[in-house]
C-alpha atoms as a PDB file:
ATOM      1  CA  UNK A   1     -53.138  14.248  78.500  1.00  0.00           C
ATOM      2  CA  UNK A   2     -50.404  12.413  80.435  1.00  0.00           C
ATOM      3  CA  UNK A   3     -51.696   9.453  79.956  1.00  0.00           C
ATOM      4  CA  UNK A   4     -51.305   5.491  79.425  1.00  0.00           C
ATOM      5  CA  UNK A   5     -53.800   4.172  77.553  1.00  0.00           C
ATOM      6  CA  UNK A   6     -54.653  -0.029  76.645  1.00  0.00           C
ATOM      7  CA  UNK A   7     -56.681  -0.391  74.046  1.00  0.00           C
ATOM      8  CA  UNK A   8     -57.835  -3.872  74.382  1.00  0.00           C
ATOM      9  CA  UNK A   9     -60.190  -6.164  74.209  1.00  0.00           C
ATOM     10  CA  UNK A  10     -59.506 -10.502  73.841  1.00  0.00           C
ATOM     11  CA  UNK A  11     -62.341 -10.980  70.783  1.00  0.00           C
ATOM     12  CA  UNK A  12     -60.214 -10.379  67.722  1.00  0.00           C
ATOM     13  CA  UNK A  13     -61.068  -8.441  64.414  1.00  0.00           C
ATOM     14  CA  UNK A  14     -63.394  -5.765  66.499  1.00  0.00           C
ATOM     15  CA  UNK A  15     -61.151  -2.503  65.084  1.00  0.00           C
ATOM     16  CA  UNK A  16     -58.843  -2.812  68.183  1.00  0.00           C
ATOM     17  CA  UNK A  17     -55.305  -2.342  66.345  1.00  0.00           C
ATOM     18  CA  UNK A  18     -57.497   0.127  63.269  1.00  0.00           C
ATOM     19  CA  UNK A  19     -58.032   2.160  66.962  1.00  0.00           C
ATOM     20  CA  UNK A  20     -54.929   2.266  68.157  1.00  0.00           C
ATOM     21  CA  UNK A  21     -52.944   3.086  64.740  1.00  0.00           C
ATOM     22  CA  UNK A  22     -55.678   6.206  63.549  1.00  0.00           C
ATOM     23  CA  UNK A  23     -56.456   7.552  67.270  1.00  0.00           C
ATOM     24  CA  UNK A  24     -52.737   7.742  67.530  1.00  0.00           C
ATOM     25  CA  UNK A  25     -52.442   9.625  63.911  1.00  0.00           C
ATOM     26  CA  UNK A  26     -55.318  11.666  65.672  1.00  0.00           C
ATOM     27  CA  UNK A  27     -53.912  12.799  69.059  1.00  0.00           C
ATOM     28  CA  UNK A  28     -50.448  13.339  67.141  1.00  0.00           C
ATOM     29  CA  UNK A  29     -52.485  16.029  64.230  1.00  0.00           C
ATOM     30  CA  UNK A  30     -53.636  18.016  67.710  1.00  0.00           C
ATOM     31  CA  UNK A  31     -49.826  18.830  68.066  1.00  0.00           C
ATOM     32  CA  UNK A  32     -49.448  16.160  71.008  1.00  0.00           C
ATOM     33  CA  UNK A  33     -46.810  13.632  71.984  1.00  0.00           C
ATOM     34  CA  UNK A  34     -47.901  10.074  71.095  1.00  0.00           C
ATOM     35  CA  UNK A  35     -46.350   6.589  71.880  1.00  0.00           C
ATOM     36  CA  UNK A  36     -47.785   3.860  70.221  1.00  0.00           C
ATOM     37  CA  UNK A  37     -46.824   0.466  71.951  1.00  0.00           C
ATOM     38  CA  UNK A  38     -47.247  -2.506  69.696  1.00  0.00           C
ATOM     39  CA  UNK A  39     -47.504  -5.259  72.106  1.00  0.00           C
ATOM     40  CA  UNK A  40     -49.365  -7.798  69.573  1.00  0.00           C
ATOM     41  CA  UNK A  41     -47.004 -10.620  68.201  1.00  0.00           C
ATOM     42  CA  UNK A  42     -49.164 -10.496  64.868  1.00  0.00           C
ATOM     43  CA  UNK A  43     -47.310  -6.612  64.931  1.00  0.00           C
ATOM     44  CA  UNK A  44     -50.465  -5.163  62.677  1.00  0.00           C
ATOM     45  CA  UNK A  45     -49.805  -1.989  64.325  1.00  0.00           C
ATOM     46  CA  UNK A  46     -45.960  -1.909  63.583  1.00  0.00           C
ATOM     47  CA  UNK A  47     -46.923  -3.075  59.526  1.00  0.00           C
ATOM     48  CA  UNK A  48     -50.272  -0.230  59.385  1.00  0.00           C
ATOM     49  CA  UNK A  49     -47.836   2.290  60.758  1.00  0.00           C
ATOM     50  CA  UNK A  50     -45.667   1.472  57.913  1.00  0.00           C
ATOM     51  CA  UNK A  51     -42.351  -0.579  59.660  1.00  0.00           C
ATOM     52  CA  UNK A  52     -41.018  -3.261  58.330  1.00  0.00           C
ATOM     53  CA  UNK A  53     -41.657  -6.141  61.029  1.00  0.00           C
ATOM     54  CA  UNK A  54     -39.234  -8.283  59.704  1.00  0.00           C
ATOM     55  CA  UNK A  55     -36.572  -5.807  59.596  1.00  0.00           C
ATOM     56  CA  UNK A  56     -36.653  -4.924  63.224  1.00  0.00           C
ATOM     57  CA  UNK A  57     -33.081  -4.663  65.598  1.00  0.00           C
ATOM     58  CA  UNK A  58     -35.272  -3.297  68.018  1.00  0.00           C
ATOM     59  CA  UNK A  59     -38.446  -4.156  69.403  1.00  0.00           C
ATOM     60  CA  UNK A  60     -41.408  -5.027  72.397  1.00  0.00           C
ATOM     61  CA  UNK A  61     -38.945  -8.235  72.526  1.00  0.00           C
ATOM     62  CA  UNK A  62     -35.944  -6.968  74.016  1.00  0.00           C
ATOM     63  CA  UNK A  63     -37.774  -4.359  76.149  1.00  0.00           C
ATOM     64  CA  UNK A  64     -40.117  -6.668  77.767  1.00  0.00           C
ATOM     65  CA  UNK A  65     -37.149  -9.106  78.409  1.00  0.00           C
ATOM     66  CA  UNK A  66     -34.921  -6.156  80.090  1.00  0.00           C
ATOM     67  CA  UNK A  67     -32.465  -6.585  77.179  1.00  0.00           C
ATOM     68  CA  UNK A  68     -32.545  -2.838  76.069  1.00  0.00           C
ATOM     69  CA  UNK A  69     -34.250   0.404  76.877  1.00  0.00           C
ATOM     70  CA  UNK A  70     -37.493   1.592  75.844  1.00  0.00           C
ATOM     71  CA  UNK A  71     -36.444   4.664  74.195  1.00  0.00           C
ATOM     72  CA  UNK A  72     -33.301   1.979  71.900  1.00  0.00           C
ATOM     73  CA  UNK A  73     -36.493   0.343  69.988  1.00  0.00           C
ATOM     74  CA  UNK A  74     -38.549   3.299  68.777  1.00  0.00           C
ATOM     75  CA  UNK A  75     -39.101   4.466  65.591  1.00  0.00           C
ATOM     76  CA  UNK A  76     -40.264   7.616  64.326  1.00  0.00           C
ATOM     77  CA  UNK A  77     -43.548   7.617  62.235  1.00  0.00           C
ATOM     78  CA  UNK A  78     -43.072   9.388  59.110  1.00  0.00           C
ATOM     79  CA  UNK A  79     -47.402   9.228  58.247  1.00  0.00           C
ATOM     80  CA  UNK A  80     -47.891   9.682  61.191  1.00  0.00           C
ATOM     81  CA  UNK A  81     -47.100  11.697  63.493  1.00  0.00           C
ATOM     82  CA  UNK A  82     -45.998   9.593  66.169  1.00  0.00           C
ATOM     83  CA  UNK A  83     -43.443   6.944  67.748  1.00  0.00           C
ATOM     84  CA  UNK A  84     -43.577   3.569  67.949  1.00  0.00           C
ATOM     85  CA  UNK A  85     -42.754   0.784  69.868  1.00  0.00           C
ATOM     86  CA  UNK A  86     -42.275  -1.876  67.075  1.00  0.00           C
ATOM     87  CA  UNK A  87     -43.508  -5.778  67.411  1.00  0.00           C
ATOM     88  CA  UNK A  88     -43.124  -9.192  65.729  1.00  0.00           C
ATOM     89  CA  UNK A  89     -43.484 -12.639  65.840  1.00  0.00           C
ATOM     90  CA  UNK A  90     -40.623 -12.312  68.087  1.00  0.00           C
ATOM     91  CA  UNK A  91     -42.623 -11.347  71.091  1.00  0.00           C
ATOM     92  CA  UNK A  92     -44.319 -14.639  71.536  1.00  0.00           C
ATOM     93  CA  UNK A  93     -41.596 -15.627  72.599  1.00  0.00           C
ATOM     94  CA  UNK A  94     -41.270 -12.725  75.617  1.00  0.00           C
ATOM     95  CA  UNK A  95     -44.648 -14.241  76.873  1.00  0.00           C
ATOM     96  CA  UNK A  96     -43.554 -18.009  77.386  1.00  0.00           C
ATOM     97  CA  UNK A  97     -40.699 -16.435  79.034  1.00  0.00           C
ATOM     98  CA  UNK A  98     -42.621 -13.703  81.519  1.00  0.00           C
ATOM     99  CA  UNK A  99     -44.806 -17.274  82.506  1.00  0.00           C
ATOM    100  CA  UNK A 100     -41.638 -18.881  83.857  1.00  0.00           C
ATOM    101  CA  UNK A 101     -40.930 -15.994  85.834  1.00  0.00           C
ATOM    102  CA  UNK A 102     -42.266 -15.890  89.927  1.00  0.00           C
ATOM    103  CA  UNK A 103     -41.345 -12.223  90.545  1.00  0.00           C
ATOM    104  CA  UNK A 104     -42.235  -9.145  88.843  1.00  0.00           C
ATOM    105  CA  UNK A 105     -43.356 -10.403  85.757  1.00  0.00           C
ATOM    106  CA  UNK A 106     -46.669  -8.151  85.538  1.00  0.00           C
ATOM    107  CA  UNK A 107     -44.277  -5.022  85.774  1.00  0.00           C
ATOM    108  CA  UNK A 108     -42.179  -5.038  82.869  1.00  0.00           C
ATOM    109  CA  UNK A 109     -43.998  -2.939  80.765  1.00  0.00           C
ATOM    110  CA  UNK A 110     -44.744  -0.387  83.713  1.00  0.00           C
ATOM    111  CA  UNK A 111     -41.163   0.090  84.651  1.00  0.00           C
ATOM    112  CA  UNK A 112     -39.744   0.254  81.110  1.00  0.00           C
ATOM    113  CA  UNK A 113     -42.241   2.870  80.215  1.00  0.00           C
ATOM    114  CA  UNK A 114     -41.335   4.978  83.454  1.00  0.00           C
ATOM    115  CA  UNK A 115     -38.078   6.422  82.378  1.00  0.00           C
ATOM    116  CA  UNK A 116     -39.830   8.057  79.073  1.00  0.00           C
ATOM    117  CA  UNK A 117     -43.204   8.892  80.295  1.00  0.00           C
ATOM    118  CA  UNK A 118     -42.869  12.428  80.796  1.00  0.00           C
ATOM    119  CA  UNK A 119     -42.033  12.694  77.405  1.00  0.00           C
ATOM    120  CA  UNK A 120     -45.363  11.787  75.688  1.00  0.00           C
ATOM    121  CA  UNK A 121     -48.375  12.882  76.585  1.00  0.00           C
ATOM    122  CA  UNK A 122     -50.208   9.897  75.416  1.00  0.00           C
ATOM    123  CA  UNK A 123     -49.349   6.636  75.667  1.00  0.00           C
ATOM    124  CA  UNK A 124     -51.223   3.692  73.649  1.00  0.00           C
ATOM    125  CA  UNK A 125     -50.496   0.314  74.367  1.00  0.00           C
ATOM    126  CA  UNK A 126     -52.558  -1.914  71.366  1.00  0.00           C
ATOM    127  CA  UNK A 127     -52.865  -5.042  73.064  1.00  0.00           C
ATOM    128  CA  UNK A 128     -53.526  -8.954  71.674  1.00  0.00           C
ATOM    129  CA  UNK A 129     -56.521 -10.431  70.829  1.00  0.00           C
ATOM    130  CA  UNK A 130     -55.980 -12.812  73.972  1.00  0.00           C
ATOM    131  CA  UNK A 131     -56.019 -11.885  78.094  1.00  0.00           C
ATOM    132  CA  UNK A 132     -52.565 -13.469  78.218  1.00  0.00           C
ATOM    133  CA  UNK A 133     -49.319 -11.948  80.432  1.00  0.00           C
ATOM    134  CA  UNK A 134     -48.932  -9.650  77.175  1.00  0.00           C
ATOM    135  CA  UNK A 135     -52.498  -7.810  78.333  1.00  0.00           C
ATOM    136  CA  UNK A 136     -51.205  -8.249  81.913  1.00  0.00           C
ATOM    137  CA  UNK A 137     -49.036  -6.103  81.181  1.00  0.00           C
ATOM    138  CA  UNK A 138     -50.502  -3.750  79.602  1.00  0.00           C
ATOM    139  CA  UNK A 139     -53.267  -3.353  81.825  1.00  0.00           C
ATOM    140  CA  UNK A 140     -50.534  -2.979  84.989  1.00  0.00           C
ATOM    141  CA  UNK A 141     -48.965  -0.262  82.807  1.00  0.00           C
ATOM    142  CA  UNK A 142     -51.835   1.540  82.092  1.00  0.00           C
ATOM    143  CA  UNK A 143     -53.819   4.420  83.722  1.00  0.00           C
ATOM    144  CA  UNK A 144     -57.138   3.150  81.673  1.00  0.00           C
ATOM    145  CA  UNK A 145     -58.486   0.912  78.963  1.00  0.00           C
ATOM    146  CA  UNK A 146     -60.074   1.642  75.736  1.00  0.00           C
ATOM    147  CA  UNK A 147     -62.419  -1.125  74.485  1.00  0.00           C
ATOM    148  CA  UNK A 148     -63.345  -1.134  70.832  1.00  0.00           C
ATOM    149  CA  UNK A 149     -66.269  -3.100  70.250  1.00  0.00           C
ATOM    150  CA  UNK A 150     -68.691  -4.437  67.428  1.00  0.00           C
ATOM    151  CA  UNK A 151     -72.305  -4.354  68.355  1.00  0.00           C
ATOM    152  CA  UNK A 152     -72.504  -8.221  68.171  1.00  0.00           C
ATOM    153  CA  UNK A 153     -73.815 -10.624  70.780  1.00  0.00           C
ATOM    154  CA  UNK A 154     -70.339 -12.100  71.315  1.00  0.00           C
ATOM    155  CA  UNK A 155     -69.127  -8.988  71.580  1.00  0.00           C
ATOM    156  CA  UNK A 156     -70.818  -8.648  74.479  1.00  0.00           C
ATOM    157  CA  UNK A 157     -69.961 -11.917  76.271  1.00  0.00           C
ATOM    158  CA  UNK A 158     -66.450 -11.381  75.818  1.00  0.00           C
ATOM    159  CA  UNK A 159     -66.785  -7.496  77.114  1.00  0.00           C
ATOM    160  CA  UNK A 160     -68.175  -8.809  80.197  1.00  0.00           C
ATOM    161  CA  UNK A 161     -65.107 -11.197  80.777  1.00  0.00           C
ATOM    162  CA  UNK A 162     -62.843  -7.847  80.039  1.00  0.00           C
ATOM    163  CA  UNK A 163     -64.426  -6.016  82.869  1.00  0.00           C
ATOM    164  CA  UNK A 164     -63.526  -9.170  85.137  1.00  0.00           C
ATOM    165  CA  UNK A 165     -60.164  -9.103  84.308  1.00  0.00           C
ATOM    166  CA  UNK A 166     -60.043  -5.676  84.602  1.00  0.00           C
ATOM    167  CA  UNK A 167     -61.636  -4.994  88.354  1.00  0.00           C
ATOM    168  CA  UNK A 168     -59.019  -8.010  89.259  1.00  0.00           C
ATOM    169  CA  UNK A 169     -56.378  -6.336  87.956  1.00  0.00           C
ATOM    170  CA  UNK A 170     -57.556  -3.053  89.469  1.00  0.00           C
ATOM    171  CA  UNK A 171     -57.742  -4.964  92.603  1.00  0.00           C
ATOM    172  CA  UNK A 172     -54.491  -7.072  92.660  1.00  0.00           C
ATOM    173  CA  UNK A 173     -52.120  -4.853  90.448  1.00  0.00           C
ATOM    174  CA  UNK A 174     -53.284  -1.517  90.119  1.00  0.00           C
ATOM    175  CA  UNK A 175     -55.761   0.441  91.619  1.00  0.00           C
ATOM    176  CA  UNK A 176     -56.349   3.427  89.814  1.00  0.00           C
ATOM    177  CA  UNK A 177     -56.992   1.204  86.709  1.00  0.00           C
ATOM    178  CA  UNK A 178     -60.342   3.133  84.945  1.00  0.00           C
ATOM    179  CA  UNK A 179     -62.516   2.510  82.012  1.00  0.00           C
ATOM    180  CA  UNK A 180     -61.205   4.966  79.365  1.00  0.00           C
ATOM    181  CA  UNK A 181     -63.995   4.373  77.556  1.00  0.00           C
ATOM    182  CA  UNK A 182     -66.251   2.143  75.471  1.00  0.00           C
ATOM    183  CA  UNK A 183     -66.132   2.536  71.631  1.00  0.00           C
ATOM    184  CA  UNK A 184     -68.097   0.815  68.955  1.00  0.00           C
ATOM    185  CA  UNK A 185     -67.006   0.230  65.775  1.00  0.00           C
ATOM    186  CA  UNK A 186     -67.170  -1.109  62.330  1.00  0.00           C
ATOM    187  CA  UNK A 187     -70.855  -0.063  63.025  1.00  0.00           C
ATOM    188  CA  UNK A 188     -73.523  -0.246  60.728  1.00  0.00           C
ATOM    189  CA  UNK A 189     -76.968   1.949  61.815  1.00  0.00           C
ATOM    190  CA  UNK A 190     -78.895  -0.139  58.554  1.00  0.00           C
ATOM    191  CA  UNK A 191     -78.140  -3.390  61.255  1.00  0.00           C
ATOM    192  CA  UNK A 192     -81.314  -3.412  63.769  1.00  0.00           C
ATOM    193  CA  UNK A 193     -78.953  -6.588  66.093  1.00  0.00           C
ATOM    194  CA  UNK A 194     -75.950  -3.629  66.258  1.00  0.00           C
ATOM    195  CA  UNK A 195     -78.966  -0.988  66.961  1.00  0.00           C
ATOM    196  CA  UNK A 196     -79.618  -2.921  69.679  1.00  0.00           C
ATOM    197  CA  UNK A 197     -77.019  -3.839  71.072  1.00  0.00           C
ATOM    198  CA  UNK A 198     -75.720  -0.402  71.152  1.00  0.00           C
ATOM    199  CA  UNK A 199     -78.768   0.712  73.158  1.00  0.00           C
ATOM    200  CA  UNK A 200     -77.740  -2.140  75.664  1.00  0.00           C
ATOM    201  CA  UNK A 201     -74.045  -0.112  75.905  1.00  0.00           C
ATOM    202  CA  UNK A 202     -75.585   3.398  76.193  1.00  0.00           C
ATOM    203  CA  UNK A 203     -78.296   1.885  78.599  1.00  0.00           C
ATOM    204  CA  UNK A 204     -75.659  -0.205  81.203  1.00  0.00           C
ATOM    205  CA  UNK A 205     -72.422   1.872  80.896  1.00  0.00           C
ATOM    206  CA  UNK A 206     -73.992   5.344  79.972  1.00  0.00           C
ATOM    207  CA  UNK A 207     -71.349   7.986  79.773  1.00  0.00           C
ATOM    208  CA  UNK A 208     -68.404   5.479  79.429  1.00  0.00           C
ATOM    209  CA  UNK A 209     -69.766   4.776  75.856  1.00  0.00           C
ATOM    210  CA  UNK A 210     -67.579   7.469  73.597  1.00  0.00           C
ATOM    211  CA  UNK A 211     -70.555   9.471  71.392  1.00  0.00           C
ATOM    212  CA  UNK A 212     -68.277   9.052  68.714  1.00  0.00           C
ATOM    213  CA  UNK A 213     -68.882   5.649  66.303  1.00  0.00           C
ATOM    214  CA  UNK A 214     -66.759   4.228  64.237  1.00  0.00           C
ATOM    215  CA  UNK A 215     -68.715   3.571  61.006  1.00  0.00           C
ATOM    216  CA  UNK A 216     -67.538   0.699  58.273  1.00  0.00           C
ATOM    217  CA  UNK A 217     -65.597   1.959  56.176  1.00  0.00           C
ATOM    218  CA  UNK A 218     -63.697   1.104  52.483  1.00  0.00           C
ATOM    219  CA  UNK A 219     -61.160   3.494  52.859  1.00  0.00           C
ATOM    220  CA  UNK A 220     -60.346   2.504  56.294  1.00  0.00           C
ATOM    221  CA  UNK A 221     -59.680  -1.058  55.934  1.00  0.00           C
ATOM    222  CA  UNK A 222     -57.403  -0.489  52.931  1.00  0.00           C
ATOM    223  CA  UNK A 223     -55.129   2.152  54.338  1.00  0.00           C
ATOM    224  CA  UNK A 224     -52.969  -0.619  56.238  1.00  0.00           C
ATOM    225  CA  UNK A 225     -51.898  -1.708  53.537  1.00  0.00           C
ATOM    226  CA  UNK A 226     -50.196   1.415  52.227  1.00  0.00           C
ATOM    227  CA  UNK A 227     -48.904   1.213  55.291  1.00  0.00           C
ATOM    228  CA  UNK A 228     -50.079   4.483  56.784  1.00  0.00           C
ATOM    229  CA  UNK A 229     -53.360   5.592  59.234  1.00  0.00           C
ATOM    230  CA  UNK A 230     -56.178   6.735  57.061  1.00  0.00           C
ATOM    231  CA  UNK A 231     -55.730  10.344  58.021  1.00  0.00           C
ATOM    232  CA  UNK A 232     -52.614  10.035  55.923  1.00  0.00           C
ATOM    233  CA  UNK A 233     -54.726   7.973  53.396  1.00  0.00           C
ATOM    234  CA  UNK A 234     -57.773   9.704  52.599  1.00  0.00           C
ATOM    235  CA  UNK A 235     -58.551  12.608  55.298  1.00  0.00           C
ATOM    236  CA  UNK A 236     -61.686  13.392  53.574  1.00  0.00           C
ATOM    237  CA  UNK A 237     -62.824   9.557  53.978  1.00  0.00           C
ATOM    238  CA  UNK A 238     -66.298   9.016  57.241  1.00  0.00           C
ATOM    239  CA  UNK A 239     -63.142   6.328  58.537  1.00  0.00           C
ATOM    240  CA  UNK A 240     -60.647   9.548  59.281  1.00  0.00           C
ATOM    241  CA  UNK A 241     -62.938  12.109  60.261  1.00  0.00           C
ATOM    242  CA  UNK A 242     -65.071   9.338  63.116  1.00  0.00           C
ATOM    243  CA  UNK A 243     -60.592   9.198  64.151  1.00  0.00           C
ATOM    244  CA  UNK A 244     -60.319  13.152  64.565  1.00  0.00           C
ATOM    245  CA  UNK A 245     -63.794  12.947  66.183  1.00  0.00           C
ATOM    246  CA  UNK A 246     -62.475  10.443  69.074  1.00  0.00           C
ATOM    247  CA  UNK A 247     -59.757  12.239  69.581  1.00  0.00           C
ATOM    248  CA  UNK A 248     -61.671  15.597  69.914  1.00  0.00           C
ATOM    249  CA  UNK A 249     -63.849  13.661  72.426  1.00  0.00           C
ATOM    250  CA  UNK A 250     -61.235  12.346  74.679  1.00  0.00           C
ATOM    251  CA  UNK A 251     -59.399  16.033  74.487  1.00  0.00           C
ATOM    252  CA  UNK A 252     -63.154  17.491  75.584  1.00  0.00           C
ATOM    253  CA  UNK A 253     -63.507  14.947  78.222  1.00  0.00           C
ATOM    254  CA  UNK A 254     -60.058  15.991  79.887  1.00  0.00           C
ATOM    255  CA  UNK A 255     -60.935  19.370  79.687  1.00  0.00           C
ATOM    256  CA  UNK A 256     -64.654  19.093  81.304  1.00  0.00           C
ATOM    257  CA  UNK A 257     -62.143  16.493  83.978  1.00  0.00           C
ATOM    258  CA  UNK A 258     -59.658  18.893  84.652  1.00  0.00           C
ATOM    259  CA  UNK A 259     -62.399  21.885  85.126  1.00  0.00           C
ATOM    260  CA  UNK A 260     -64.378  19.972  87.282  1.00  0.00           C
ATOM    261  CA  UNK A 261     -61.814  19.157  90.116  1.00  0.00           C
ATOM    262  CA  UNK A 262     -60.951  22.508  89.662  1.00  0.00           C
ATOM    263  CA  UNK A 263     -64.276  24.189  90.071  1.00  0.00           C
ATOM    264  CA  UNK A 264     -64.884  21.357  93.322  1.00  0.00           C
ATOM    265  CA  UNK A 265     -61.309  22.434  95.424  1.00  0.00           C
ATOM    266  CA  UNK A 266     -62.597  26.103  94.890  1.00  0.00           C
ATOM    267  CA  UNK A 267     -59.560  27.369  92.274  1.00  0.00           C
ATOM    268  CA  UNK A 268     -59.884  28.680  88.821  1.00  0.00           C
ATOM    269  CA  UNK A 269     -59.372  27.141  85.559  1.00  0.00           C
ATOM    270  CA  UNK A 270     -56.183  27.201  84.300  1.00  0.00           C
ATOM    271  CA  UNK A 271     -55.907  28.787  80.554  1.00  0.00           C
ATOM    272  CA  UNK A 272     -54.946  25.400  79.291  1.00  0.00           C
ATOM    273  CA  UNK A 273     -57.677  23.283  80.418  1.00  0.00           C
ATOM    274  CA  UNK A 274     -60.246  26.010  79.447  1.00  0.00           C
ATOM    275  CA  UNK A 275     -62.430  23.782  76.406  1.00  0.00           C
ATOM    276  CA  UNK A 276     -61.465  25.304  73.210  1.00  0.00           C
ATOM    277  CA  UNK A 277     -64.398  24.898  71.259  1.00  0.00           C
ATOM    278  CA  UNK A 278     -67.631  23.421  70.656  1.00  0.00           C
ATOM    279  CA  UNK A 279     -68.274  20.032  72.844  1.00  0.00           C
ATOM    280  CA  UNK A 280     -70.193  18.488  69.430  1.00  0.00           C
ATOM    281  CA  UNK A 281     -71.214  15.045  69.384  1.00  0.00           C
ATOM    282  CA  UNK A 282     -70.880  12.450  66.766  1.00  0.00           C
ATOM    283  CA  UNK A 283     -73.638   9.162  65.821  1.00  0.00           C
ATOM    284  CA  UNK A 284     -72.854   6.917  63.228  1.00  0.00           C
ATOM    285  CA  UNK A 285     -74.558   8.475  60.669  1.00  0.00           C
ATOM    286  CA  UNK A 286     -72.426  11.819  61.181  1.00  0.00           C
ATOM    287  CA  UNK A 287     -69.221  10.303  62.646  1.00  0.00           C
ATOM    288  CA  UNK A 288     -67.411  13.767  61.549  1.00  0.00           C
ATOM    289  CA  UNK A 289     -69.226  16.121  64.171  1.00  0.00           C
ATOM    290  CA  UNK A 290     -67.436  18.994  66.159  1.00  0.00           C
ATOM    291  CA  UNK A 291     -65.153  17.199  68.251  1.00  0.00           C
ATOM    292  CA  UNK A 292     -63.129  16.335  65.170  1.00  0.00           C
ATOM    293  CA  UNK A 293     -63.009  19.898  64.304  1.00  0.00           C
ATOM    294  CA  UNK A 294     -59.424  20.974  66.026  1.00  0.00           C
ATOM    295  CA  UNK A 295     -57.433  18.004  64.878  1.00  0.00           C
ATOM    296  CA  UNK A 296     -58.555  18.276  61.605  1.00  0.00           C
ATOM    297  CA  UNK A 297     -57.504  21.806  61.259  1.00  0.00           C
ATOM    298  CA  UNK A 298     -54.254  20.136  62.697  1.00  0.00           C
ATOM    299  CA  UNK A 299     -53.783  17.752  60.000  1.00  0.00           C
ATOM    300  CA  UNK A 300     -54.591  20.092  57.456  1.00  0.00           C
ATOM    301  CA  UNK A 301     -51.997  22.169  57.926  1.00  0.00           C
ATOM    302  CA  UNK A 302     -49.851  19.650  58.058  1.00  0.00           C
ATOM    303  CA  UNK A 303     -50.656  18.591  55.001  1.00  0.00           C
ATOM    304  CA  UNK A 304     -50.275  22.171  53.623  1.00  0.00           C
ATOM    305  CA  UNK A 305     -53.542  22.728  52.685  1.00  0.00           C
ATOM    306  CA  UNK A 306     -57.045  23.287  53.883  1.00  0.00           C
ATOM    307  CA  UNK A 307     -60.099  21.720  53.222  1.00  0.00           C
ATOM    308  CA  UNK A 308     -64.017  23.154  53.608  1.00  0.00           C
END
């Protein structure tokens, strides 16, 4: 995939860090090389990956300030299969110091990523719940933005503000930046308002809304307290299957885009770009659709057992 994807939403409590951690684990389960960068001073992605944020020798702070190379601050995540750039509350001082600079402050993360970019298939950046200098650095470094959001009125208001910021970043500093997709999280199909907001999203944004829907799920909510993604907590839960489905949908989209690009120039589709299975689809009632098949088989193999 070779993409840098910022997971962003200035509204807190929408499942942003949950999405970053579990999507990283799900993509890693498909044998892709994944780097998760925690750019939130709360350090929730760090703790949710089983890394003690109070015991960091190097973190995102030193990387953003140019005091350490990115490679020297990375940590392997045992229960996840991906690599992590950790963060803690010290990262707040990085934002303060960046604000005092006038040249290159918004490109610090992009420059830090360049030396290691080719080593990973996907780089996910977990942004703080604010449109601040840390988020700006993530958006300038990213190829695309994945937006997790709850289907409620205030979330729609926040989405408008975020899309405006993305457009400003695109015009000023990162022209290729695009919307990776809008992900409906903590979705309850019994809630009429949630269904109405979901319908509005589909009407206004069409294919930019992921077909995969992340349901409210107790296993998904409790996994961070065990310091591991839900795939390694309860791989049969609806939350785990939903994030496997999301990974499958993203991979399928990438394959279809490659296929369309080669067809447009009159060439043949390379073997690695050919879709590997049924496109599938997911709904709130069935979060584990066909898109989850490939990553689910991979995680079963990694766990040393099979499931039906």
